[in-house]
Structure formats: C-alpha cells, structure tokens
PDB file of N, CA and C in Angstrom:
ATOM      1  N   UNK A   1       5.129  -3.607 -16.619  1.00  0.00           N
ATOM      2  CA  UNK A   1       5.593  -4.297 -15.434  1.00  0.00           C
ATOM      3  C   UNK A   1       4.774  -3.838 -14.230  1.00  0.00           C
ATOM      4  N   UNK A   2       4.491  -4.782 -13.367  1.00  0.00           N
ATOM      5  CA  UNK A   2       3.778  -4.481 -12.135  1.00  0.00           C
ATOM      6  C   UNK A   2       4.776  -4.168 -11.019  1.00  0.00           C
ATOM      7  N   UNK A   3       4.321  -3.384 -10.074  1.00  0.00           N
ATOM      8  CA  UNK A   3       5.095  -3.113  -8.860  1.00  0.00           C
ATOM      9  C   UNK A   3       4.224  -3.486  -7.675  1.00  0.00           C
ATOM     10  N   UNK A   4       4.806  -4.171  -6.716  1.00  0.00           N
ATOM     11  CA  UNK A   4       4.070  -4.513  -5.496  1.00  0.00           C
ATOM     12  C   UNK A   4       4.791  -3.895  -4.305  1.00  0.00           C
ATOM     13  N   UNK A   5       4.024  -3.170  -3.501  1.00  0.00           N
ATOM     14  CA  UNK A   5       4.534  -2.728  -2.201  1.00  0.00           C
ATOM     15  C   UNK A   5       4.286  -3.917  -1.284  1.00  0.00           C
ATOM     16  N   UNK A   6       5.351  -4.577  -0.920  1.00  0.00           N
ATOM     17  CA  UNK A   6       5.306  -5.918  -0.342  1.00  0.00           C
ATOM     18  C   UNK A   6       5.909  -5.960   1.059  1.00  0.00           C
ATOM     19  N   UNK A   7       5.251  -6.734   1.907  1.00  0.00           N
ATOM     20  CA  UNK A   7       5.794  -7.068   3.223  1.00  0.00           C
ATOM     21  C   UNK A   7       5.847  -8.587   3.271  1.00  0.00           C
ATOM     22  N   UNK A   8       7.040  -9.172   3.177  1.00  0.00           N
ATOM     23  CA  UNK A   8       7.140 -10.626   3.131  1.00  0.00           C
ATOM     24  C   UNK A   8       6.624 -11.334   4.380  1.00  0.00           C
ATOM     25  N   UNK A   9       6.443 -10.613   5.472  1.00  0.00           N
ATOM     26  CA  UNK A   9       5.920 -11.225   6.701  1.00  0.00           C
ATOM     27  C   UNK A   9       4.392 -11.300   6.692  1.00  0.00           C
ATOM     28  N   UNK A  10       3.757 -10.657   5.722  1.00  0.00           N
ATOM     29  CA  UNK A  10       2.297 -10.610   5.641  1.00  0.00           C
ATOM     30  C   UNK A  10       1.782 -11.705   4.707  1.00  0.00           C
ATOM     31  N   UNK A  11       0.887 -12.543   5.199  1.00  0.00           N
ATOM     32  CA  UNK A  11       0.378 -13.650   4.381  1.00  0.00           C
ATOM     33  C   UNK A  11      -0.387 -13.142   3.161  1.00  0.00           C
ATOM     34  N   UNK A  12      -1.151 -12.077   3.296  1.00  0.00           N
ATOM     35  CA  UNK A  12      -1.906 -11.539   2.149  1.00  0.00           C
ATOM     36  C   UNK A  12      -0.951 -11.006   1.089  1.00  0.00           C
ATOM     37  N   UNK A  13       0.131 -10.404   1.537  1.00  0.00           N
ATOM     38  CA  UNK A  13       1.127  -9.896   0.603  1.00  0.00           C
ATOM     39  C   UNK A  13       1.811 -11.052  -0.129  1.00  0.00           C
ATOM     40  N   UNK A  14       2.156 -12.100   0.591  1.00  0.00           N
ATOM     41  CA  UNK A  14       2.783 -13.280  -0.034  1.00  0.00           C
ATOM     42  C   UNK A  14       1.825 -13.940  -1.016  1.00  0.00           C
ATOM     43  N   UNK A  15       0.555 -14.050  -0.649  1.00  0.00           N
ATOM     44  CA  UNK A  15      -0.442 -14.663  -1.540  1.00  0.00           C
ATOM     45  C   UNK A  15      -0.625 -13.831  -2.805  1.00  0.00           C
ATOM     46  N   UNK A  16      -0.642 -12.513  -2.649  1.00  0.00           N
ATOM     47  CA  UNK A  16      -0.797 -11.627  -3.806  1.00  0.00           C
ATOM     48  C   UNK A  16       0.397 -11.766  -4.744  1.00  0.00           C
ATOM     49  N   UNK A  17       1.595 -11.770  -4.186  1.00  0.00           N
ATOM     50  CA  UNK A  17       2.792 -11.943  -5.007  1.00  0.00           C
ATOM     51  C   UNK A  17       2.768 -13.291  -5.720  1.00  0.00           C
ATOM     52  N   UNK A  18       2.325 -14.324  -5.049  1.00  0.00           N
ATOM     53  CA  UNK A  18       2.237 -15.654  -5.675  1.00  0.00           C
ATOM     54  C   UNK A  18       1.281 -15.646  -6.861  1.00  0.00           C
ATOM     55  N   UNK A  19       0.166 -14.941  -6.751  1.00  0.00           N
ATOM     56  CA  UNK A  19      -0.787 -14.845  -7.869  1.00  0.00           C
ATOM     57  C   UNK A  19      -0.150 -14.156  -9.070  1.00  0.00           C
ATOM     58  N   UNK A  20       0.595 -13.091  -8.805  1.00  0.00           N
ATOM     59  CA  UNK A  20       1.264 -12.361  -9.882  1.00  0.00           C
ATOM     60  C   UNK A  20       2.288 -13.260 -10.570  1.00  0.00           C
ATOM     61  N   UNK A  21       3.100 -13.937  -9.759  1.00  0.00           N
ATOM     62  CA  UNK A  21       4.125 -14.817 -10.311  1.00  0.00           C
ATOM     63  C   UNK A  21       3.513 -15.986 -11.074  1.00  0.00           C
ATOM     64  N   UNK A  22       2.408 -16.532 -10.564  1.00  0.00           N
ATOM     65  CA  UNK A  22       1.737 -17.644 -11.248  1.00  0.00           C
ATOM     66  C   UNK A  22       1.187 -17.206 -12.604  1.00  0.00           C
ATOM     67  N   UNK A  23       0.826 -15.935 -12.711  1.00  0.00           N
ATOM     68  CA  UNK A  23       0.313 -15.406 -13.979  1.00  0.00           C
ATOM     69  C   UNK A  23       1.453 -15.094 -14.951  1.00  0.00           C
ATOM     70  N   UNK A  24       2.693 -15.220 -14.482  1.00  0.00           N
ATOM     71  CA  UNK A  24       3.840 -14.982 -15.340  1.00  0.00           C
ATOM     72  C   UNK A  24       4.108 -13.515 -15.627  1.00  0.00           C
ATOM     73  N   UNK A  25       3.567 -12.640 -14.809  1.00  0.00           N
ATOM     74  CA  UNK A  25       3.760 -11.203 -15.011  1.00  0.00           C
ATOM     75  C   UNK A  25       5.082 -10.754 -14.389  1.00  0.00           C
ATOM     76  N   UNK A  26       5.836  -9.936 -15.114  1.00  0.00           N
ATOM     77  CA  UNK A  26       7.036  -9.380 -14.491  1.00  0.00           C
ATOM     78  C   UNK A  26       6.627  -8.431 -13.368  1.00  0.00           C
ATOM     79  N   UNK A  27       7.358  -8.501 -12.257  1.00  0.00           N
ATOM     80  CA  UNK A  27       6.984  -7.700 -11.094  1.00  0.00           C
ATOM     81  C   UNK A  27       8.222  -7.166 -10.394  1.00  0.00           C
ATOM     82  N   UNK A  28       8.142  -5.911 -10.037  1.00  0.00           N
ATOM     83  CA  UNK A  28       9.173  -5.290  -9.208  1.00  0.00           C
ATOM     84  C   UNK A  28       8.665  -5.339  -7.777  1.00  0.00           C
ATOM     85  N   UNK A  29       9.459  -5.903  -6.896  1.00  0.00           N
ATOM     86  CA  UNK A  29       9.063  -6.038  -5.497  1.00  0.00           C
ATOM     87  C   UNK A  29       9.709  -4.914  -4.698  1.00  0.00           C
ATOM     88  N   UNK A  30       8.858  -4.094  -4.105  1.00  0.00           N
ATOM     89  CA  UNK A  30       9.350  -3.018  -3.246  1.00  0.00           C
ATOM     90  C   UNK A  30       8.985  -3.354  -1.812  1.00  0.00           C
ATOM     91  N   UNK A  31       9.985  -3.672  -1.029  1.00  0.00           N
ATOM     92  CA  UNK A  31       9.759  -3.940   0.393  1.00  0.00           C
ATOM     93  C   UNK A  31       9.627  -2.585   1.082  1.00  0.00           C
ATOM     94  N   UNK A  32       8.400  -2.105   1.111  1.00  0.00           N
ATOM     95  CA  UNK A  32       8.129  -0.721   1.500  1.00  0.00           C
ATOM     96  C   UNK A  32       8.469  -0.409   2.963  1.00  0.00           C
ATOM     97  N   UNK A  33       8.637  -1.425   3.796  1.00  0.00           N
ATOM     98  CA  UNK A  33       9.064  -1.162   5.176  1.00  0.00           C
ATOM     99  C   UNK A  33      10.539  -0.785   5.218  1.00  0.00           C
ATOM    100  N   UNK A  34      11.319  -1.258   4.233  1.00  0.00           N
ATOM    101  CA  UNK A  34      12.739  -0.940   4.131  1.00  0.00           C
ATOM    102  C   UNK A  34      12.990   0.231   3.179  1.00  0.00           C
ATOM    103  N   UNK A  35      12.293   0.217   2.055  1.00  0.00           N
ATOM    104  CA  UNK A  35      12.396   1.268   1.033  1.00  0.00           C
ATOM    105  C   UNK A  35      11.125   2.110   1.148  1.00  0.00           C
ATOM    106  N   UNK A  36      11.109   2.986   2.135  1.00  0.00           N
ATOM    107  CA  UNK A  36       9.900   3.703   2.537  1.00  0.00           C
ATOM    108  C   UNK A  36       9.467   4.709   1.468  1.00  0.00           C
ATOM    109  N   UNK A  37       8.206   4.653   1.054  1.00  0.00           N
ATOM    110  CA  UNK A  37       7.707   5.619   0.072  1.00  0.00           C
ATOM    111  C   UNK A  37       7.629   7.028   0.663  1.00  0.00           C
ATOM    112  N   UNK A  38       7.880   8.004  -0.186  1.00  0.00           N
ATOM    113  CA  UNK A  38       7.737   9.394   0.222  1.00  0.00           C
ATOM    114  C   UNK A  38       6.250   9.748   0.251  1.00  0.00           C
ATOM    115  N   UNK A  39       5.948  10.873   0.848  1.00  0.00           N
ATOM    116  CA  UNK A  39       4.561  11.350   0.858  1.00  0.00           C
ATOM    117  C   UNK A  39       4.066  11.532  -0.573  1.00  0.00           C
ATOM    118  N   UNK A  40       4.936  12.012  -1.462  1.00  0.00           N
ATOM    119  CA  UNK A  40       4.548  12.204  -2.866  1.00  0.00           C
ATOM    120  C   UNK A  40       4.245  10.861  -3.541  1.00  0.00           C
ATOM    121  N   UNK A  41       5.035   9.835  -3.240  1.00  0.00           N
ATOM    122  CA  UNK A  41       4.777   8.507  -3.821  1.00  0.00           C
ATOM    123  C   UNK A  41       3.469   7.933  -3.291  1.00  0.00           C
ATOM    124  N   UNK A  42       3.200   8.149  -2.029  1.00  0.00           N
ATOM    125  CA  UNK A  42       1.932   7.672  -1.450  1.00  0.00           C
ATOM    126  C   UNK A  42       0.757   8.397  -2.107  1.00  0.00           C
ATOM    127  N   UNK A  43       0.909   9.696  -2.330  1.00  0.00           N
ATOM    128  CA  UNK A  43      -0.133  10.468  -3.011  1.00  0.00           C
ATOM    129  C   UNK A  43      -0.362   9.920  -4.415  1.00  0.00           C
ATOM    130  N   UNK A  44       0.719   9.600  -5.123  1.00  0.00           N
ATOM    131  CA  UNK A  44       0.598   9.015  -6.458  1.00  0.00           C
ATOM    132  C   UNK A  44      -0.141   7.696  -6.428  1.00  0.00           C
ATOM    133  N   UNK A  45       0.143   6.879  -5.418  1.00  0.00           N
ATOM    134  CA  UNK A  45      -0.540   5.598  -5.299  1.00  0.00           C
ATOM    135  C   UNK A  45      -2.019   5.814  -4.986  1.00  0.00           C
ATOM    136  N   UNK A  46      -2.323   6.782  -4.131  1.00  0.00           N
ATOM    137  CA  UNK A  46      -3.730   7.109  -3.847  1.00  0.00           C
ATOM    138  C   UNK A  46      -4.459   7.475  -5.130  1.00  0.00           C
ATOM    139  N   UNK A  47      -3.806   8.263  -5.978  1.00  0.00           N
ATOM    140  CA  UNK A  47      -4.414   8.655  -7.252  1.00  0.00           C
ATOM    141  C   UNK A  47      -4.670   7.439  -8.125  1.00  0.00           C
ATOM    142  N   UNK A  48      -3.703   6.525  -8.192  1.00  0.00           N
ATOM    143  CA  UNK A  48      -3.883   5.310  -8.993  1.00  0.00           C
ATOM    144  C   UNK A  48      -5.003   4.436  -8.437  1.00  0.00           C
ATOM    145  N   UNK A  49      -5.173   4.473  -7.121  1.00  0.00           N
ATOM    146  CA  UNK A  49      -6.233   3.699  -6.475  1.00  0.00           C
ATOM    147  C   UNK A  49      -7.597   4.377  -6.612  1.00  0.00           C
ATOM    148  N   UNK A  50      -7.598   5.639  -7.035  1.00  0.00           N
ATOM    149  CA  UNK A  50      -8.843   6.386  -7.148  1.00  0.00           C
ATOM    150  C   UNK A  50      -9.373   6.829  -5.789  1.00  0.00           C
ATOM    151  N   UNK A  51      -8.458   7.038  -4.841  1.00  0.00           N
ATOM    152  CA  UNK A  51      -8.843   7.431  -3.489  1.00  0.00           C
ATOM    153  C   UNK A  51      -8.433   8.873  -3.221  1.00  0.00           C
ATOM    154  N   UNK A  52      -9.276   9.598  -2.503  1.00  0.00           N
ATOM    155  CA  UNK A  52      -8.969  10.983  -2.149  1.00  0.00           C
ATOM    156  C   UNK A  52      -8.438  11.111  -0.725  1.00  0.00           C
ATOM    157  N   UNK A  53      -8.878  10.244   0.145  1.00  0.00           N
ATOM    158  CA  UNK A  53      -8.567  10.355   1.569  1.00  0.00           C
ATOM    159  C   UNK A  53      -7.407   9.425   1.934  1.00  0.00           C
ATOM    160  N   UNK A  54      -6.284   9.968   2.387  1.00  0.00           N
ATOM    161  CA  UNK A  54      -5.157   9.114   2.768  1.00  0.00           C
ATOM    162  C   UNK A  54      -5.524   8.060   3.807  1.00  0.00           C
ATOM    163  N   UNK A  55      -6.499   8.360   4.644  1.00  0.00           N
ATOM    164  CA  UNK A  55      -6.903   7.413   5.681  1.00  0.00           C
ATOM    165  C   UNK A  55      -7.408   6.097   5.068  1.00  0.00           C
ATOM    166  N   UNK A  56      -7.905   6.152   3.837  1.00  0.00           N
ATOM    167  CA  UNK A  56      -8.391   4.943   3.158  1.00  0.00           C
ATOM    168  C   UNK A  56      -7.254   3.961   2.876  1.00  0.00           C
ATOM    169  N   UNK A  57      -6.029   4.448   2.952  1.00  0.00           N
ATOM    170  CA  UNK A  57      -4.865   3.608   2.688  1.00  0.00           C
ATOM    171  C   UNK A  57      -4.116   3.262   3.972  1.00  0.00           C
ATOM    172  N   UNK A  58      -4.718   3.589   5.105  1.00  0.00           N
ATOM    173  CA  UNK A  58      -4.046   3.394   6.393  1.00  0.00           C
ATOM    174  C   UNK A  58      -4.552   2.159   7.128  1.00  0.00           C
ATOM    175  N   UNK A  59      -3.636   1.529   7.823  1.00  0.00           N
ATOM    176  CA  UNK A  59      -3.959   0.405   8.698  1.00  0.00           C
ATOM    177  C   UNK A  59      -4.302   1.012  10.054  1.00  0.00           C
ATOM    178  N   UNK A  60      -5.587   1.254  10.261  1.00  0.00           N
ATOM    179  CA  UNK A  60      -6.052   1.949  11.458  1.00  0.00           C
ATOM    180  C   UNK A  60      -6.022   1.079  12.716  1.00  0.00           C
ATOM    181  N   UNK A  61      -5.762  -0.203  12.564  1.00  0.00           N
ATOM    182  CA  UNK A  61      -5.676  -1.089  13.721  1.00  0.00           C
ATOM    183  C   UNK A  61      -4.279  -1.183  14.307  1.00  0.00           C
ATOM    184  N   UNK A  62      -3.309  -0.562  13.641  1.00  0.00           N
ATOM    185  CA  UNK A  62      -1.928  -0.595  14.131  1.00  0.00           C
ATOM    186  C   UNK A  62      -1.797   0.239  15.404  1.00  0.00           C
ATOM    187  N   UNK A  63      -0.986  -0.229  16.317  1.00  0.00           N
ATOM    188  CA  UNK A  63      -0.770   0.488  17.578  1.00  0.00           C
ATOM    189  C   UNK A  63      -0.256   1.901  17.339  1.00  0.00           C
ATOM    190  N   UNK A  64       0.606   2.077  16.348  1.00  0.00           N
ATOM    191  CA  UNK A  64       1.180   3.396  16.079  1.00  0.00           C
ATOM    192  C   UNK A  64       0.092   4.398  15.656  1.00  0.00           C
ATOM    193  N   UNK A  65      -0.958   3.918  15.020  1.00  0.00           N
ATOM    194  CA  UNK A  65      -2.077   4.789  14.629  1.00  0.00           C
ATOM    195  C   UNK A  65      -2.695   5.412  15.879  1.00  0.00           C
ATOM    196  N   UNK A  66      -2.906   4.587  16.873  1.00  0.00           N
ATOM    197  CA  UNK A  66      -3.489   5.070  18.136  1.00  0.00           C
ATOM    198  C   UNK A  66      -2.492   5.929  18.906  1.00  0.00           C
ATOM    199  N   UNK A  67      -1.220   5.480  18.956  1.00  0.00           N
ATOM    200  CA  UNK A  67      -0.186   6.218  19.687  1.00  0.00           C
ATOM    201  C   UNK A  67      -0.018   7.639  19.155  1.00  0.00           C
ATOM    202  N   UNK A  68      -0.119   7.799  17.842  1.00  0.00           N
ATOM    203  CA  UNK A  68       0.054   9.113  17.228  1.00  0.00           C
ATOM    204  C   UNK A  68      -1.225   9.950  17.244  1.00  0.00           C
ATOM    205  N   UNK A  69      -2.333   9.342  17.693  1.00  0.00           N
ATOM    206  CA  UNK A  69      -3.597  10.071  17.743  1.00  0.00           C
ATOM    207  C   UNK A  69      -4.127  10.431  16.368  1.00  0.00           C
ATOM    208  N   UNK A  70      -3.892   9.567  15.386  1.00  0.00           N
ATOM    209  CA  UNK A  70      -4.255   9.879  14.008  1.00  0.00           C
ATOM    210  C   UNK A  70      -5.762   9.899  13.758  1.00  0.00           C
ATOM    211  N   UNK A  71      -6.525   9.291  14.634  1.00  0.00           N
ATOM    212  CA  UNK A  71      -7.982   9.311  14.467  1.00  0.00           C
ATOM    213  C   UNK A  71      -8.504  10.748  14.484  1.00  0.00           C
ATOM    214  N   UNK A  72      -7.842  11.603  15.240  1.00  0.00           N
ATOM    215  CA  UNK A  72      -8.270  12.998  15.374  1.00  0.00           C
ATOM    216  C   UNK A  72      -7.665  13.916  14.307  1.00  0.00           C
ATOM    217  N   UNK A  73      -6.781  13.383  13.469  1.00  0.00           N
ATOM    218  CA  UNK A  73      -6.105  14.197  12.453  1.00  0.00           C
ATOM    219  C   UNK A  73      -6.926  14.202  11.170  1.00  0.00           C
ATOM    220  N   UNK A  74      -7.190  15.395  10.652  1.00  0.00           N
ATOM    221  CA  UNK A  74      -7.958  15.505   9.409  1.00  0.00           C
ATOM    222  C   UNK A  74      -7.144  16.052   8.247  1.00  0.00           C
ATOM    223  N   UNK A  75      -5.972  16.588   8.506  1.00  0.00           N
ATOM    224  CA  UNK A  75      -5.142  17.170   7.455  1.00  0.00           C
ATOM    225  C   UNK A  75      -4.459  16.062   6.645  1.00  0.00           C
ATOM    226  N   UNK A  76      -4.731  16.044   5.356  1.00  0.00           N
ATOM    227  CA  UNK A  76      -4.149  15.025   4.476  1.00  0.00           C
ATOM    228  C   UNK A  76      -2.633  15.018   4.545  1.00  0.00           C
ATOM    229  N   UNK A  77      -2.023  16.197   4.555  1.00  0.00           N
ATOM    230  CA  UNK A  77      -0.561  16.277   4.594  1.00  0.00           C
ATOM    231  C   UNK A  77       0.005  15.593   5.836  1.00  0.00           C
ATOM    232  N   UNK A  78      -0.658  15.774   6.963  1.00  0.00           N
ATOM    233  CA  UNK A  78      -0.196  15.163   8.215  1.00  0.00           C
ATOM    234  C   UNK A  78      -0.329  13.639   8.152  1.00  0.00           C
ATOM    235  N   UNK A  79      -1.396  13.148   7.548  1.00  0.00           N
ATOM    236  CA  UNK A  79      -1.587  11.701   7.425  1.00  0.00           C
ATOM    237  C   UNK A  79      -0.543  11.100   6.481  1.00  0.00           C
ATOM    238  N   UNK A  80      -0.283  11.781   5.370  1.00  0.00           N
ATOM    239  CA  UNK A  80       0.728  11.311   4.420  1.00  0.00           C
ATOM    240  C   UNK A  80       2.115  11.300   5.065  1.00  0.00           C
ATOM    241  N   UNK A  81       2.412  12.334   5.810  1.00  0.00           N
ATOM    242  CA  UNK A  81       3.702  12.413   6.503  1.00  0.00           C
ATOM    243  C   UNK A  81       3.833  11.271   7.516  1.00  0.00           C
ATOM    244  N   UNK A  82       2.752  10.976   8.228  1.00  0.00           N
ATOM    245  CA  UNK A  82       2.778   9.882   9.201  1.00  0.00           C
ATOM    246  C   UNK A  82       3.037   8.548   8.509  1.00  0.00           C
ATOM    247  N   UNK A  83       2.409   8.317   7.357  1.00  0.00           N
ATOM    248  CA  UNK A  83       2.626   7.062   6.634  1.00  0.00           C
ATOM    249  C   UNK A  83       4.052   6.962   6.124  1.00  0.00           C
ATOM    250  N   UNK A  84       4.618   8.081   5.685  1.00  0.00           N
ATOM    251  CA  UNK A  84       5.982   8.064   5.182  1.00  0.00           C
ATOM    252  C   UNK A  84       6.988   7.860   6.323  1.00  0.00           C
ATOM    253  N   UNK A  85       6.670   8.390   7.480  1.00  0.00           N
ATOM    254  CA  UNK A  85       7.562   8.227   8.633  1.00  0.00           C
ATOM    255  C   UNK A  85       7.390   6.859   9.290  1.00  0.00           C
ATOM    256  N   UNK A  86       6.171   6.323   9.234  1.00  0.00           N
ATOM    257  CA  UNK A  86       5.835   5.040   9.853  1.00  0.00           C
ATOM    258  C   UNK A  86       5.155   4.154   8.803  1.00  0.00           C
ATOM    259  N   UNK A  87       5.928   3.536   7.900  1.00  0.00           N
ATOM    260  CA  UNK A  87       5.340   2.779   6.790  1.00  0.00           C
ATOM    261  C   UNK A  87       4.461   1.611   7.221  1.00  0.00           C
ATOM    262  N   UNK A  88       4.566   1.212   8.472  1.00  0.00           N
ATOM    263  CA  UNK A  88       3.694   0.152   8.980  1.00  0.00           C
ATOM    264  C   UNK A  88       2.220   0.554   8.870  1.00  0.00           C
ATOM    265  N   UNK A  89       1.981   1.854   8.779  1.00  0.00           N
ATOM    266  CA  UNK A  89       0.615   2.378   8.671  1.00  0.00           C
ATOM    267  C   UNK A  89       0.008   2.160   7.286  1.00  0.00           C
ATOM    268  N   UNK A  90       0.848   1.868   6.289  1.00  0.00           N
ATOM    269  CA  UNK A  90       0.360   1.727   4.918  1.00  0.00           C
ATOM    270  C   UNK A  90      -0.265   0.347   4.729  1.00  0.00           C
ATOM    271  N   UNK A  91      -1.476   0.342   4.193  1.00  0.00           N
ATOM    272  CA  UNK A  91      -2.160  -0.924   3.894  1.00  0.00           C
ATOM    273  C   UNK A  91      -1.319  -1.709   2.906  1.00  0.00           C
ATOM    274  N   UNK A  92      -1.391  -3.017   3.016  1.00  0.00           N
ATOM    275  CA  UNK A  92      -0.612  -3.882   2.135  1.00  0.00           C
ATOM    276  C   UNK A  92      -1.422  -5.082   1.710  1.00  0.00           C
ATOM    277  N   UNK A  93      -1.006  -5.664   0.633  1.00  0.00           N
ATOM    278  CA  UNK A  93      -0.075  -5.175  -0.373  1.00  0.00           C
ATOM    279  C   UNK A  93      -0.798  -4.242  -1.347  1.00  0.00           C
ATOM    280  N   UNK A  94      -0.023  -3.437  -2.025  1.00  0.00           N
ATOM    281  CA  UNK A  94      -0.557  -2.588  -3.086  1.00  0.00           C
ATOM    282  C   UNK A  94       0.168  -2.974  -4.363  1.00  0.00           C
ATOM    283  N   UNK A  95      -0.592  -3.195  -5.422  1.00  0.00           N
ATOM    284  CA  UNK A  95      -0.019  -3.568  -6.712  1.00  0.00           C
ATOM    285  C   UNK A  95      -0.406  -2.500  -7.725  1.00  0.00           C
ATOM    286  N   UNK A  96       0.580  -2.059  -8.491  1.00  0.00           N
ATOM    287  CA  UNK A  96       0.363  -1.005  -9.473  1.00  0.00           C
ATOM    288  C   UNK A  96       0.900  -1.430 -10.832  1.00  0.00           C
ATOM    289  N   UNK A  97       0.197  -1.005 -11.879  1.00  0.00           N
ATOM    290  CA  UNK A  97       0.717  -1.194 -13.239  1.00  0.00           C
ATOM    291  C   UNK A  97       1.259   0.126 -13.795  1.00  0.00           C
ATOM    292  N   UNK A  98       1.336   1.144 -12.939  1.00  0.00           N
ATOM    293  CA  UNK A  98       1.828   2.454 -13.342  1.00  0.00           C
ATOM    294  C   UNK A  98       0.718   3.448 -13.616  1.00  0.00           C
ATOM    295  N   UNK A  99      -0.467   2.932 -13.890  1.00  0.00           N
ATOM    296  CA  UNK A  99      -1.632   3.791 -14.123  1.00  0.00           C
ATOM    297  C   UNK A  99      -2.745   3.509 -13.130  1.00  0.00           C
ATOM    298  N   UNK A 100      -2.933   2.230 -12.837  1.00  0.00           N
ATOM    299  CA  UNK A 100      -3.965   1.814 -11.882  1.00  0.00           C
ATOM    300  C   UNK A 100      -3.300   1.010 -10.788  1.00  0.00           C
ATOM    301  N   UNK A 101      -3.953   1.000  -9.643  1.00  0.00           N
ATOM    302  CA  UNK A 101      -3.432   0.207  -8.530  1.00  0.00           C
ATOM    303  C   UNK A 101      -4.593  -0.488  -7.831  1.00  0.00           C
ATOM    304  N   UNK A 102      -4.258  -1.545  -7.131  1.00  0.00           N
ATOM    305  CA  UNK A 102      -5.231  -2.361  -6.392  1.00  0.00           C
ATOM    306  C   UNK A 102      -4.609  -2.714  -5.041  1.00  0.00           C
ATOM    307  N   UNK A 103      -5.420  -2.658  -4.002  1.00  0.00           N
ATOM    308  CA  UNK A 103      -4.987  -3.184  -2.710  1.00  0.00           C
ATOM    309  C   UNK A 103      -5.317  -4.672  -2.717  1.00  0.00           C
ATOM    310  N   UNK A 104      -4.335  -5.503  -2.441  1.00  0.00           N
ATOM    311  CA  UNK A 104      -4.504  -6.958  -2.511  1.00  0.00           C
ATOM    312  C   UNK A 104      -5.192  -7.543  -1.293  1.00  0.00           C
ATOM    313  N   UNK A 105      -6.343  -7.038  -0.975  1.00  0.00           N
ATOM    314  CA  UNK A 105      -7.179  -7.551   0.116  1.00  0.00           C
ATOM    315  C   UNK A 105      -8.599  -7.652  -0.402  1.00  0.00           C
ATOM    316  N   UNK A 106      -9.015  -8.802  -0.770  1.00  0.00           N
ATOM    317  CA  UNK A 106      -8.331 -10.095  -0.755  1.00  0.00           C
ATOM    318  C   UNK A 106      -7.282 -10.170  -1.885  1.00  0.00           C
ATOM    319  N   UNK A 107      -6.355 -11.096  -1.792  1.00  0.00           N
ATOM    320  CA  UNK A 107      -5.320 -11.206  -2.820  1.00  0.00           C
ATOM    321  C   UNK A 107      -5.891 -11.317  -4.234  1.00  0.00           C
ATOM    322  N   UNK A 108      -7.037 -11.954  -4.379  1.00  0.00           N
ATOM    323  CA  UNK A 108      -7.641 -12.149  -5.705  1.00  0.00           C
ATOM    324  C   UNK A 108      -7.998 -10.831  -6.381  1.00  0.00           C
ATOM    325  N   UNK A 109      -8.076  -9.756  -5.621  1.00  0.00           N
ATOM    326  CA  UNK A 109      -8.408  -8.445  -6.195  1.00  0.00           C
ATOM    327  C   UNK A 109      -7.374  -8.031  -7.242  1.00  0.00           C
ATOM    328  N   UNK A 110      -6.151  -8.528  -7.105  1.00  0.00           N
ATOM    329  CA  UNK A 110      -5.081  -8.166  -8.035  1.00  0.00           C
ATOM    330  C   UNK A 110      -5.335  -8.707  -9.443  1.00  0.00           C
ATOM    331  N   UNK A 111      -6.199  -9.670  -9.570  1.00  0.00           N
ATOM    332  CA  UNK A 111      -6.466 -10.284 -10.886  1.00  0.00           C
ATOM    333  C   UNK A 111      -6.951  -9.266 -11.898  1.00  0.00           C
ATOM    334  N   UNK A 112      -7.532  -8.158 -11.456  1.00  0.00           N
ATOM    335  CA  UNK A 112      -7.978  -7.132 -12.419  1.00  0.00           C
ATOM    336  C   UNK A 112      -6.803  -6.462 -13.109  1.00  0.00           C
ATOM    337  N   UNK A 113      -5.607  -6.565 -12.538  1.00  0.00           N
ATOM    338  CA  UNK A 113      -4.409  -6.012 -13.187  1.00  0.00           C
ATOM    339  C   UNK A 113      -3.658  -7.057 -13.994  1.00  0.00           C
ATOM    340  N   UNK A 114      -4.032  -8.311 -13.852  1.00  0.00           N
ATOM    341  CA  UNK A 114      -3.325  -9.379 -14.561  1.00  0.00           C
ATOM    342  C   UNK A 114      -3.962  -9.580 -15.914  1.00  0.00           C
TER     343      UNK A 114
END
C-alpha cells in the first residue's frame, strides 16, 4: 500500500493522488498539516527519499522559513524540529511504498512507485 502526505489545497498533491487512484493502487492519505509527522517520521521519509539534508525536503519559499531564520540554521535536528512544529515547511506531496519515497513534483514522478 502507498501512503501520501497530502495537502488537499495543493494542486500538485491533488494531481499526484489522482494518478495513484487512476492506477488502482490502494493508498493511505495522510493530511500531514492535520496529522503532523514527528521529527523521527520525517527522518524516515528522508531515508526513503535517499536524502541526507533535511533542507532538501523543505519549502524554502514559505514565509515561516524566513520568519524562523532557517536559512542560517545548519543543525539537522533543528530543521527537523521546525518541520514537525510547522508542517507547512514540508515539501508536498510525498508518496511512499514503505521502502522508497518520491516527491510528487512533478506529479508524474510518482509513476516510478506505481
């Protein structure tokens, strides 16, 4: 089963979910803005994505990124904590099969998991 960290207000997230559903794949939808991932869950997703730097999973254009001064932060733990406290900072959508994950930007990127 696939899991999508989903924001229904995001067009890319909706398009990615539509691709999964069109492929007939069972999917668990996690509205990550409401069901906020812990720092440990974000770390697990980074591992599935094959990423070492939490900043690679951050939406650096968000106002909260600038407000918190995250550009100057280099400690991974601090970045993970910021994402867990402010889930708007997490890039979306993210789709996982439990072993591998893909950021659905563009939405077609998810096809490698289908």
